[in-house]
Amino acid sequence: MIHEKYSSELGNARNELFAQFLMRIYKEIPNCKIANFSKLKNLQGSNFSQFRKCFLAKLEKIFMVPGNTFDNVTGQFPIGFFIWNCEEKEQFSHIEADVYDKT
């Protein structure tokens, strides 16, 4: 249902459940604040270019940790904890992030 409803806004990101989740909240609860954690695909992935054009919430804060700091995760990839402000509209262009270094 959400996959089809927001297909044009999601573009190729429609295959990612977290992208569907973010877009649905953004569209159906305007001017809210959203907190989520995920890989950084939505910020840099080529499949998310259409998503970034439509998801115009301001990234207020991000904290990144290595994926392997989670139980049962062995990969060497970053996971971000995001706080989005949907009241302030801006297209994502860059970040300044706090980063946890396990070493």
PDB file of N, CA and C in Angstrom:
ATOM      1  N   MET A   1       0.820  -1.194   0.000  1.00  0.00           N
ATOM      2  CA  MET A   1       0.000   0.000   0.000  1.00  0.00           C
ATOM      3  C   MET A   1       0.873   1.272   0.000  1.00  0.00           C
ATOM      4  N   ILE A   2       1.735   1.444   0.997  1.00  0.00           N
ATOM      5  CA  ILE A   2       2.605   2.623   1.068  1.00  0.00           C
ATOM      6  C   ILE A   2       3.561   2.622  -0.113  1.00  0.00           C
ATOM      7  N   HIS A   3       4.037   1.445  -0.457  1.00  0.00           N
ATOM      8  CA  HIS A   3       4.940   1.266  -1.603  1.00  0.00           C
ATOM      9  C   HIS A   3       4.340   1.911  -2.845  1.00  0.00           C
ATOM     10  N   GLU A   4       3.045   1.660  -3.095  1.00  0.00           N
ATOM     11  CA  GLU A   4       2.380   2.223  -4.276  1.00  0.00           C
ATOM     12  C   GLU A   4       1.981   3.686  -4.070  1.00  0.00           C
ATOM     13  N   LYS A   5       1.503   4.013  -2.886  1.00  0.00           N
ATOM     14  CA  LYS A   5       1.001   5.363  -2.618  1.00  0.00           C
ATOM     15  C   LYS A   5       2.082   6.427  -2.809  1.00  0.00           C
ATOM     16  N   TYR A   6       3.300   6.136  -2.373  1.00  0.00           N
ATOM     17  CA  TYR A   6       4.381   7.112  -2.441  1.00  0.00           C
ATOM     18  C   TYR A   6       5.475   6.706  -3.422  1.00  0.00           C
ATOM     19  N   SER A   7       5.131   5.884  -4.384  1.00  0.00           N
ATOM     20  CA  SER A   7       6.106   5.363  -5.342  1.00  0.00           C
ATOM     21  C   SER A   7       6.855   6.477  -6.075  1.00  0.00           C
ATOM     22  N   SER A   8       6.145   7.513  -6.512  1.00  0.00           N
ATOM     23  CA  SER A   8       6.817   8.579  -7.271  1.00  0.00           C
ATOM     24  C   SER A   8       7.774   9.388  -6.393  1.00  0.00           C
ATOM     25  N   GLU A   9       7.438   9.578  -5.112  1.00  0.00           N
ATOM     26  CA  GLU A   9       8.321  10.304  -4.201  1.00  0.00           C
ATOM     27  C   GLU A   9       9.524   9.459  -3.778  1.00  0.00           C
ATOM     28  N   LEU A  10       9.314   8.157  -3.660  1.00  0.00           N
ATOM     29  CA  LEU A  10      10.371   7.267  -3.192  1.00  0.00           C
ATOM     30  C   LEU A  10      11.366   6.891  -4.278  1.00  0.00           C
ATOM     31  N   GLY A  11      10.911   6.834  -5.527  1.00  0.00           N
ATOM     32  CA  GLY A  11      11.793   6.380  -6.598  1.00  0.00           C
ATOM     33  C   GLY A  11      12.288   4.976  -6.310  1.00  0.00           C
ATOM     34  N   ASN A  12      13.550   4.712  -6.577  1.00  0.00           N
ATOM     35  CA  ASN A  12      14.117   3.382  -6.335  1.00  0.00           C
ATOM     36  C   ASN A  12      14.245   3.043  -4.857  1.00  0.00           C
ATOM     37  N   ALA A  13      14.116   4.014  -3.987  1.00  0.00           N
ATOM     38  CA  ALA A  13      14.171   3.761  -2.544  1.00  0.00           C
ATOM     39  C   ALA A  13      12.912   3.065  -2.045  1.00  0.00           C
ATOM     40  N   ARG A  14      11.908   2.918  -2.894  1.00  0.00           N
ATOM     41  CA  ARG A  14      10.658   2.281  -2.476  1.00  0.00           C
ATOM     42  C   ARG A  14      10.861   0.836  -2.031  1.00  0.00           C
ATOM     43  N   ASN A  15      11.985   0.233  -2.383  1.00  0.00           N
ATOM     44  CA  ASN A  15      12.268  -1.141  -1.963  1.00  0.00           C
ATOM     45  C   ASN A  15      12.768  -1.233  -0.523  1.00  0.00           C
ATOM     46  N   GLU A  16      13.042  -0.108   0.090  1.00  0.00           N
ATOM     47  CA  GLU A  16      13.540  -0.079   1.470  1.00  0.00           C
ATOM     48  C   GLU A  16      12.406   0.293   2.424  1.00  0.00           C
ATOM     49  N   LEU A  17      12.126  -0.587   3.387  1.00  0.00           N
ATOM     50  CA  LEU A  17      11.028  -0.331   4.323  1.00  0.00           C
ATOM     51  C   LEU A  17      11.245   0.937   5.141  1.00  0.00           C
ATOM     52  N   PHE A  18      12.490   1.210   5.541  1.00  0.00           N
ATOM     53  CA  PHE A  18      12.713   2.411   6.347  1.00  0.00           C
ATOM     54  C   PHE A  18      12.445   3.672   5.538  1.00  0.00           C
ATOM     55  N   ALA A  19      12.680   3.638   4.227  1.00  0.00           N
ATOM     56  CA  ALA A  19      12.379   4.792   3.373  1.00  0.00           C
ATOM     57  C   ALA A  19      10.867   4.989   3.273  1.00  0.00           C
ATOM     58  N   GLN A  20      10.123   3.903   3.142  1.00  0.00           N
ATOM     59  CA  GLN A  20       8.662   3.994   3.119  1.00  0.00           C
ATOM     60  C   GLN A  20       8.154   4.566   4.440  1.00  0.00           C
ATOM     61  N   PHE A  21       8.718   4.112   5.537  1.00  0.00           N
ATOM     62  CA  PHE A  21       8.362   4.586   6.870  1.00  0.00           C
ATOM     63  C   PHE A  21       8.602   6.096   6.989  1.00  0.00           C
ATOM     64  N   LEU A  22       9.791   6.548   6.593  1.00  0.00           N
ATOM     65  CA  LEU A  22      10.109   7.975   6.682  1.00  0.00           C
ATOM     66  C   LEU A  22       9.192   8.821   5.810  1.00  0.00           C
ATOM     67  N   MET A  23       8.959   8.378   4.570  1.00  0.00           N
ATOM     68  CA  MET A  23       8.117   9.160   3.663  1.00  0.00           C
ATOM     69  C   MET A  23       6.679   9.223   4.157  1.00  0.00           C
ATOM     70  N   ARG A  24       6.173   8.110   4.675  1.00  0.00           N
ATOM     71  CA  ARG A  24       4.795   8.110   5.168  1.00  0.00           C
ATOM     72  C   ARG A  24       4.638   9.091   6.329  1.00  0.00           C
ATOM     73  N   ILE A  25       5.539   9.061   7.275  1.00  0.00           N
ATOM     74  CA  ILE A  25       5.462  10.000   8.400  1.00  0.00           C
ATOM     75  C   ILE A  25       5.585  11.431   7.900  1.00  0.00           C
ATOM     76  N   TYR A  26       6.545  11.681   7.022  1.00  0.00           N
ATOM     77  CA  TYR A  26       6.770  13.021   6.475  1.00  0.00           C
ATOM     78  C   TYR A  26       5.504  13.561   5.812  1.00  0.00           C
ATOM     79  N   LYS A  27       4.814  12.721   5.056  1.00  0.00           N
ATOM     80  CA  LYS A  27       3.622  13.156   4.321  1.00  0.00           C
ATOM     81  C   LYS A  27       2.370  13.216   5.193  1.00  0.00           C
ATOM     82  N   GLU A  28       2.224  12.283   6.119  1.00  0.00           N
ATOM     83  CA  GLU A  28       0.961  12.149   6.847  1.00  0.00           C
ATOM     84  C   GLU A  28       0.951  12.824   8.214  1.00  0.00           C
ATOM     85  N   ILE A  29       2.107  13.178   8.737  1.00  0.00           N
ATOM     86  CA  ILE A  29       2.187  13.919  10.005  1.00  0.00           C
ATOM     87  C   ILE A  29       3.075  15.139   9.759  1.00  0.00           C
ATOM     88  N   PRO A  30       2.545  16.126   9.061  1.00  0.00           N
ATOM     89  CA  PRO A  30       3.368  17.282   8.680  1.00  0.00           C
ATOM     90  C   PRO A  30       3.898  18.034   9.905  1.00  0.00           C
ATOM     91  N   ASN A  31       5.058  18.621   9.719  1.00  0.00           N
ATOM     92  CA  ASN A  31       5.695  19.472  10.729  1.00  0.00           C
ATOM     93  C   ASN A  31       6.094  18.747  12.012  1.00  0.00           C
ATOM     94  N   CYS A  32       6.236  17.439  11.942  1.00  0.00           N
ATOM     95  CA  CYS A  32       6.651  16.671  13.116  1.00  0.00           C
ATOM     96  C   CYS A  32       8.173  16.573  13.172  1.00  0.00           C
ATOM     97  N   LYS A  33       8.663  15.975  14.222  1.00  0.00           N
ATOM     98  CA  LYS A  33      10.071  15.615  14.324  1.00  0.00           C
ATOM     99  C   LYS A  33      10.135  14.090  14.238  1.00  0.00           C
ATOM    100  N   ILE A  34      11.117  13.585  13.495  1.00  0.00           N
ATOM    101  CA  ILE A  34      11.273  12.144  13.312  1.00  0.00           C
ATOM    102  C   ILE A  34      12.655  11.749  13.807  1.00  0.00           C
ATOM    103  N   ALA A  35      12.699  10.698  14.596  1.00  0.00           N
ATOM    104  CA  ALA A  35      13.975  10.104  14.996  1.00  0.00           C
ATOM    105  C   ALA A  35      14.013   8.688  14.438  1.00  0.00           C
ATOM    106  N   ASN A  36      15.117   8.330  13.816  1.00  0.00           N
ATOM    107  CA  ASN A  36      15.265   6.972  13.294  1.00  0.00           C
ATOM    108  C   ASN A  36      16.728   6.581  13.299  1.00  0.00           C
ATOM    109  N   PHE A  37      16.970   5.295  13.166  1.00  0.00           N
ATOM    110  CA  PHE A  37      18.342   4.858  12.949  1.00  0.00           C
ATOM    111  C   PHE A  37      18.369   3.899  11.779  1.00  0.00           C
ATOM    112  N   SER A  38      19.404   4.026  10.976  1.00  0.00           N
ATOM    113  CA  SER A  38      19.545   3.213   9.773  1.00  0.00           C
ATOM    114  C   SER A  38      20.955   3.386   9.223  1.00  0.00           C
ATOM    115  N   LYS A  39      21.252   2.612   8.187  1.00  0.00           N
ATOM    116  CA  LYS A  39      22.473   2.857   7.435  1.00  0.00           C
ATOM    117  C   LYS A  39      22.348   4.239   6.792  1.00  0.00           C
ATOM    118  N   LEU A  40      23.386   4.700   6.146  1.00  0.00           N
ATOM    119  CA  LEU A  40      23.395   6.056   5.591  1.00  0.00           C
ATOM    120  C   LEU A  40      22.935   6.124   4.140  1.00  0.00           C
ATOM    121  N   LYS A  41      22.297   5.077   3.644  1.00  0.00           N
ATOM    122  CA  LYS A  41      21.859   5.022   2.244  1.00  0.00           C
ATOM    123  C   LYS A  41      21.017   6.223   1.847  1.00  0.00           C
ATOM    124  N   ASN A  42      20.120   6.645   2.744  1.00  0.00           N
ATOM    125  CA  ASN A  42      19.222   7.748   2.396  1.00  0.00           C
ATOM    126  C   ASN A  42      19.974   9.061   2.180  1.00  0.00           C
ATOM    127  N   LEU A  43      21.183   9.180   2.703  1.00  0.00           N
ATOM    128  CA  LEU A  43      21.965  10.402   2.535  1.00  0.00           C
ATOM    129  C   LEU A  43      22.841  10.391   1.295  1.00  0.00           C
ATOM    130  N   GLN A  44      23.275   9.211   0.862  1.00  0.00           N
ATOM    131  CA  GLN A  44      24.271   9.171  -0.200  1.00  0.00           C
ATOM    132  C   GLN A  44      23.988   8.184  -1.308  1.00  0.00           C
ATOM    133  N   GLY A  45      23.080   7.247  -1.114  1.00  0.00           N
ATOM    134  CA  GLY A  45      22.848   6.210  -2.116  1.00  0.00           C
ATOM    135  C   GLY A  45      22.200   6.736  -3.384  1.00  0.00           C
ATOM    136  N   SER A  46      22.646   6.228  -4.522  1.00  0.00           N
ATOM    137  CA  SER A  46      22.076   6.662  -5.806  1.00  0.00           C
ATOM    138  C   SER A  46      20.605   6.276  -5.929  1.00  0.00           C
ATOM    139  N   ASN A  47      20.188   5.178  -5.302  1.00  0.00           N
ATOM    140  CA  ASN A  47      18.777   4.780  -5.340  1.00  0.00           C
ATOM    141  C   ASN A  47      17.883   5.722  -4.541  1.00  0.00           C
ATOM    142  N   PHE A  48      18.469   6.619  -3.767  1.00  0.00           N
ATOM    143  CA  PHE A  48      17.700   7.539  -2.934  1.00  0.00           C
ATOM    144  C   PHE A  48      17.663   8.959  -3.487  1.00  0.00           C
ATOM    145  N   SER A  49      18.097   9.168  -4.720  1.00  0.00           N
ATOM    146  CA  SER A  49      18.133  10.534  -5.259  1.00  0.00           C
ATOM    147  C   SER A  49      16.736  11.146  -5.333  1.00  0.00           C
ATOM    148  N   GLN A  50      15.746  10.395  -5.784  1.00  0.00           N
ATOM    149  CA  GLN A  50      14.370  10.906  -5.838  1.00  0.00           C
ATOM    150  C   GLN A  50      13.827  11.121  -4.428  1.00  0.00           C
ATOM    151  N   PHE A  51      14.100  10.212  -3.535  1.00  0.00           N
ATOM    152  CA  PHE A  51      13.693  10.343  -2.135  1.00  0.00           C
ATOM    153  C   PHE A  51      14.207  11.663  -1.557  1.00  0.00           C
ATOM    154  N   ARG A  52      15.487  11.963  -1.769  1.00  0.00           N
ATOM    155  CA  ARG A  52      16.080  13.196  -1.221  1.00  0.00           C
ATOM    156  C   ARG A  52      15.441  14.454  -1.808  1.00  0.00           C
ATOM    157  N   LYS A  53      14.961  14.388  -3.042  1.00  0.00           N
ATOM    158  CA  LYS A  53      14.292  15.548  -3.646  1.00  0.00           C
ATOM    159  C   LYS A  53      12.939  15.815  -2.998  1.00  0.00           C
ATOM    160  N   CYS A  54      12.287  14.773  -2.482  1.00  0.00           N
ATOM    161  CA  CYS A  54      10.938  14.907  -1.921  1.00  0.00           C
ATOM    162  C   CYS A  54      10.912  14.972  -0.398  1.00  0.00           C
ATOM    163  N   PHE A  55      11.865  14.351   0.255  1.00  0.00           N
ATOM    164  CA  PHE A  55      11.931  14.348   1.719  1.00  0.00           C
ATOM    165  C   PHE A  55      12.741  15.569   2.138  1.00  0.00           C
ATOM    166  N   LEU A  56      12.044  16.666   2.398  1.00  0.00           N
ATOM    167  CA  LEU A  56      12.691  17.960   2.623  1.00  0.00           C
ATOM    168  C   LEU A  56      12.776  18.349   4.095  1.00  0.00           C
ATOM    169  N   ALA A  57      12.845  17.366   4.965  1.00  0.00           N
ATOM    170  CA  ALA A  57      13.016  17.655   6.387  1.00  0.00           C
ATOM    171  C   ALA A  57      14.467  18.038   6.653  1.00  0.00           C
ATOM    172  N   LYS A  58      14.659  18.965   7.573  1.00  0.00           N
ATOM    173  CA  LYS A  58      16.015  19.387   7.934  1.00  0.00           C
ATOM    174  C   LYS A  58      16.627  18.349   8.870  1.00  0.00           C
ATOM    175  N   LEU A  59      17.821  17.904   8.539  1.00  0.00           N
ATOM    176  CA  LEU A  59      18.544  16.991   9.415  1.00  0.00           C
ATOM    177  C   LEU A  59      19.145  17.812  10.553  1.00  0.00           C
ATOM    178  N   GLU A  60      18.512  17.747  11.718  1.00  0.00           N
ATOM    179  CA  GLU A  60      18.941  18.548  12.867  1.00  0.00           C
ATOM    180  C   GLU A  60      20.214  17.997  13.502  1.00  0.00           C
ATOM    181  N   LYS A  61      20.297  16.675  13.599  1.00  0.00           N
ATOM    182  CA  LYS A  61      21.425  16.061  14.302  1.00  0.00           C
ATOM    183  C   LYS A  61      21.583  14.632  13.819  1.00  0.00           C
ATOM    184  N   ILE A  62      22.822  14.173  13.777  1.00  0.00           N
ATOM    185  CA  ILE A  62      23.101  12.776  13.465  1.00  0.00           C
ATOM    186  C   ILE A  62      24.284  12.325  14.312  1.00  0.00           C
ATOM    187  N   PHE A  63      24.166  11.123  14.805  1.00  0.00           N
ATOM    188  CA  PHE A  63      25.224  10.474  15.576  1.00  0.00           C
ATOM    189  C   PHE A  63      25.503   9.148  14.896  1.00  0.00           C
ATOM    190  N   MET A  64      26.755   8.874  14.561  1.00  0.00           N
ATOM    191  CA  MET A  64      27.082   7.648  13.832  1.00  0.00           C
ATOM    192  C   MET A  64      27.924   6.713  14.687  1.00  0.00           C
ATOM    193  N   VAL A  65      27.653   5.418  14.509  1.00  0.00           N
ATOM    194  CA  VAL A  65      28.406   4.370  15.196  1.00  0.00           C
ATOM    195  C   VAL A  65      28.748   3.279  14.191  1.00  0.00           C
ATOM    196  N   PRO A  66      29.820   2.533  14.423  1.00  0.00           N
ATOM    197  CA  PRO A  66      30.108   1.394  13.549  1.00  0.00           C
ATOM    198  C   PRO A  66      29.035   0.317  13.726  1.00  0.00           C
ATOM    199  N   GLY A  67      28.638  -0.301  12.632  1.00  0.00           N
ATOM    200  CA  GLY A  67      27.608  -1.333  12.685  1.00  0.00           C
ATOM    201  C   GLY A  67      27.934  -2.455  13.639  1.00  0.00           C
ATOM    202  N   ASN A  68      29.211  -2.796  13.755  1.00  0.00           N
ATOM    203  CA  ASN A  68      29.571  -3.938  14.593  1.00  0.00           C
ATOM    204  C   ASN A  68      29.520  -3.641  16.091  1.00  0.00           C
ATOM    205  N   THR A  69      29.085  -2.450  16.495  1.00  0.00           N
ATOM    206  CA  THR A  69      28.848  -2.189  17.915  1.00  0.00           C
ATOM    207  C   THR A  69      27.512  -2.766  18.366  1.00  0.00           C
ATOM    208  N   PHE A  70      26.684  -3.204  17.412  1.00  0.00           N
ATOM    209  CA  PHE A  70      25.415  -3.851  17.715  1.00  0.00           C
ATOM    210  C   PHE A  70      25.626  -5.357  17.842  1.00  0.00           C
ATOM    211  N   ASP A  71      24.836  -6.000  18.684  1.00  0.00           N
ATOM    212  CA  ASP A  71      24.886  -7.458  18.797  1.00  0.00           C
ATOM    213  C   ASP A  71      24.542  -8.091  17.464  1.00  0.00           C
ATOM    214  N   ASN A  72      25.223  -9.169  17.132  1.00  0.00           N
ATOM    215  CA  ASN A  72      24.966  -9.972  15.929  1.00  0.00           C
ATOM    216  C   ASN A  72      25.203  -9.221  14.625  1.00  0.00           C
ATOM    217  N   VAL A  73      25.968  -8.139  14.646  1.00  0.00           N
ATOM    218  CA  VAL A  73      26.329  -7.421  13.421  1.00  0.00           C
ATOM    219  C   VAL A  73      27.849  -7.483  13.286  1.00  0.00           C
ATOM    220  N   THR A  74      28.316  -7.981  12.148  1.00  0.00           N
ATOM    221  CA  THR A  74      29.759  -8.113  11.944  1.00  0.00           C
ATOM    222  C   THR A  74      30.288  -7.151  10.890  1.00  0.00           C
ATOM    223  N   GLY A  75      29.413  -6.510  10.151  1.00  0.00           N
ATOM    224  CA  GLY A  75      29.840  -5.643   9.055  1.00  0.00           C
ATOM    225  C   GLY A  75      30.543  -4.381   9.514  1.00  0.00           C
ATOM    226  N   GLN A  76      31.367  -3.838   8.634  1.00  0.00           N
ATOM    227  CA  GLN A  76      32.100  -2.596   8.890  1.00  0.00           C
ATOM    228  C   GLN A  76      31.422  -1.456   8.131  1.00  0.00           C
ATOM    229  N   PHE A  77      30.284  -1.024   8.592  1.00  0.00           N
ATOM    230  CA  PHE A  77      29.537   0.054   7.948  1.00  0.00           C
ATOM    231  C   PHE A  77      28.964   0.962   9.030  1.00  0.00           C
ATOM    232  N   PRO A  78      28.745   2.224   8.728  1.00  0.00           N
ATOM    233  CA  PRO A  78      28.184   3.136   9.730  1.00  0.00           C
ATOM    234  C   PRO A  78      26.667   3.011   9.840  1.00  0.00           C
ATOM    235  N   ILE A  79      26.189   3.221  11.049  1.00  0.00           N
ATOM    236  CA  ILE A  79      24.755   3.330  11.316  1.00  0.00           C
ATOM    237  C   ILE A  79      24.545   4.705  11.924  1.00  0.00           C
ATOM    238  N   GLY A  80      23.556   5.417  11.415  1.00  0.00           N
ATOM    239  CA  GLY A  80      23.276   6.755  11.904  1.00  0.00           C
ATOM    240  C   GLY A  80      22.010   6.802  12.734  1.00  0.00           C
ATOM    241  N   PHE A  81      22.052   7.581  13.789  1.00  0.00           N
ATOM    242  CA  PHE A  81      20.869   7.917  14.573  1.00  0.00           C
ATOM    243  C   PHE A  81      20.509   9.344  14.169  1.00  0.00           C
ATOM    244  N   PHE A  82      19.382   9.492  13.496  1.00  0.00           N
ATOM    245  CA  PHE A  82      18.990  10.751  12.859  1.00  0.00           C
ATOM    246  C   PHE A  82      17.883  11.444  13.643  1.00  0.00           C
ATOM    247  N   ILE A  83      17.898  12.763  13.645  1.00  0.00           N
ATOM    248  CA  ILE A  83      16.763  13.561  14.114  1.00  0.00           C
ATOM    249  C   ILE A  83      16.432  14.543  12.999  1.00  0.00           C
ATOM    250  N   TRP A  84      15.220  14.394  12.462  1.00  0.00           N
ATOM    251  CA  TRP A  84      14.743  15.210  11.342  1.00  0.00           C
ATOM    252  C   TRP A  84      13.684  16.182  11.836  1.00  0.00           C
ATOM    253  N   ASN A  85      13.738  17.419  11.370  1.00  0.00           N
ATOM    254  CA  ASN A  85      12.726  18.426  11.668  1.00  0.00           C
ATOM    255  C   ASN A  85      11.925  18.669  10.390  1.00  0.00           C
ATOM    256  N   CYS A  86      10.707  18.155  10.353  1.00  0.00           N
ATOM    257  CA  CYS A  86       9.870  18.268   9.148  1.00  0.00           C
ATOM    258  C   CYS A  86       9.245  19.646   8.993  1.00  0.00           C
ATOM    259  N   GLU A  87       9.312  20.458  10.030  1.00  0.00           N
ATOM    260  CA  GLU A  87       8.773  21.814   9.942  1.00  0.00           C
ATOM    261  C   GLU A  87       9.684  22.708   9.101  1.00  0.00           C
ATOM    262  N   GLU A  88      10.973  22.443   9.136  1.00  0.00           N
ATOM    263  CA  GLU A  88      11.935  23.220   8.349  1.00  0.00           C
ATOM    264  C   GLU A  88      12.247  22.458   7.071  1.00  0.00           C
ATOM    265  N   LYS A  89      11.927  23.059   5.934  1.00  0.00           N
ATOM    266  CA  LYS A  89      12.077  22.401   4.631  1.00  0.00           C
ATOM    267  C   LYS A  89      13.418  22.755   4.002  1.00  0.00           C
ATOM    268  N   GLU A  90      14.212  21.748   3.748  1.00  0.00           N
ATOM    269  CA  GLU A  90      15.459  21.946   3.009  1.00  0.00           C
ATOM    270  C   GLU A  90      15.908  20.607   2.436  1.00  0.00           C
ATOM    271  N   GLN A  91      16.503  20.671   1.273  1.00  0.00           N
ATOM    272  CA  GLN A  91      17.012  19.456   0.646  1.00  0.00           C
ATOM    273  C   GLN A  91      18.365  19.117   1.264  1.00  0.00           C
ATOM    274  N   PHE A  92      18.547  17.852   1.580  1.00  0.00           N
ATOM    275  CA  PHE A  92      19.799  17.417   2.198  1.00  0.00           C
ATOM    276  C   PHE A  92      20.966  17.644   1.249  1.00  0.00           C
ATOM    277  N   SER A  93      22.063  18.211   1.785  1.00  0.00           N
ATOM    278  CA  SER A  93      23.251  18.404   0.953  1.00  0.00           C
ATOM    279  C   SER A  93      24.530  17.911   1.629  1.00  0.00           C
ATOM    280  N   HIS A  94      24.630  18.039   2.949  1.00  0.00           N
ATOM    281  CA  HIS A  94      25.827  17.601   3.661  1.00  0.00           C
ATOM    282  C   HIS A  94      25.507  17.425   5.141  1.00  0.00           C
ATOM    283  N   ILE A  95      26.446  16.831   5.864  1.00  0.00           N
ATOM    284  CA  ILE A  95      26.258  16.658   7.302  1.00  0.00           C
ATOM    285  C   ILE A  95      27.530  17.007   8.060  1.00  0.00           C
ATOM    286  N   GLU A  96      27.338  17.364   9.292  1.00  0.00           N
ATOM    287  CA  GLU A  96      28.388  17.383  10.299  1.00  0.00           C
ATOM    288  C   GLU A  96      27.862  16.460  11.382  1.00  0.00           C
ATOM    289  N   ALA A  97      28.627  15.418  11.691  1.00  0.00           N
ATOM    290  CA  ALA A  97      28.108  14.380  12.574  1.00  0.00           C
ATOM    291  C   ALA A  97      29.042  14.107  13.737  1.00  0.00           C
ATOM    292  N   ASP A  98      28.441  13.702  14.839  1.00  0.00           N
ATOM    293  CA  ASP A  98      29.203  13.138  15.942  1.00  0.00           C
ATOM    294  C   ASP A  98      29.415  11.665  15.610  1.00  0.00           C
ATOM    295  N   VAL A  99      30.629  11.168  15.859  1.00  0.00           N
ATOM    296  CA  VAL A  99      30.966   9.792  15.498  1.00  0.00           C
ATOM    297  C   VAL A  99      31.551   9.087  16.710  1.00  0.00           C
ATOM    298  N   TYR A 100      31.015   7.902  16.998  1.00  0.00           N
ATOM    299  CA  TYR A 100      31.553   7.059  18.057  1.00  0.00           C
ATOM    300  C   TYR A 100      32.638   6.178  17.465  1.00  0.00           C
ATOM    301  N   ASP A 101      33.799   6.197  18.067  1.00  0.00           N
ATOM    302  CA  ASP A 101      34.906   5.346  17.633  1.00  0.00           C
ATOM    303  C   ASP A 101      35.185   4.351  18.746  1.00  0.00           C
ATOM    304  N   LYS A 102      34.954   3.096  18.469  1.00  0.00           N
ATOM    305  CA  LYS A 102      35.063   2.037  19.471  1.00  0.00           C
ATOM    306  C   LYS A 102      36.489   1.854  19.990  1.00  0.00           C
ATOM    307  N   THR A 103      37.483   2.243  19.223  1.00  0.00           N
ATOM    308  CA  THR A 103      38.878   1.986  19.618  1.00  0.00           C
ATOM    309  C   THR A 103      39.351   2.846  20.758  1.00  0.00           C
TER     310      THR A 103
END
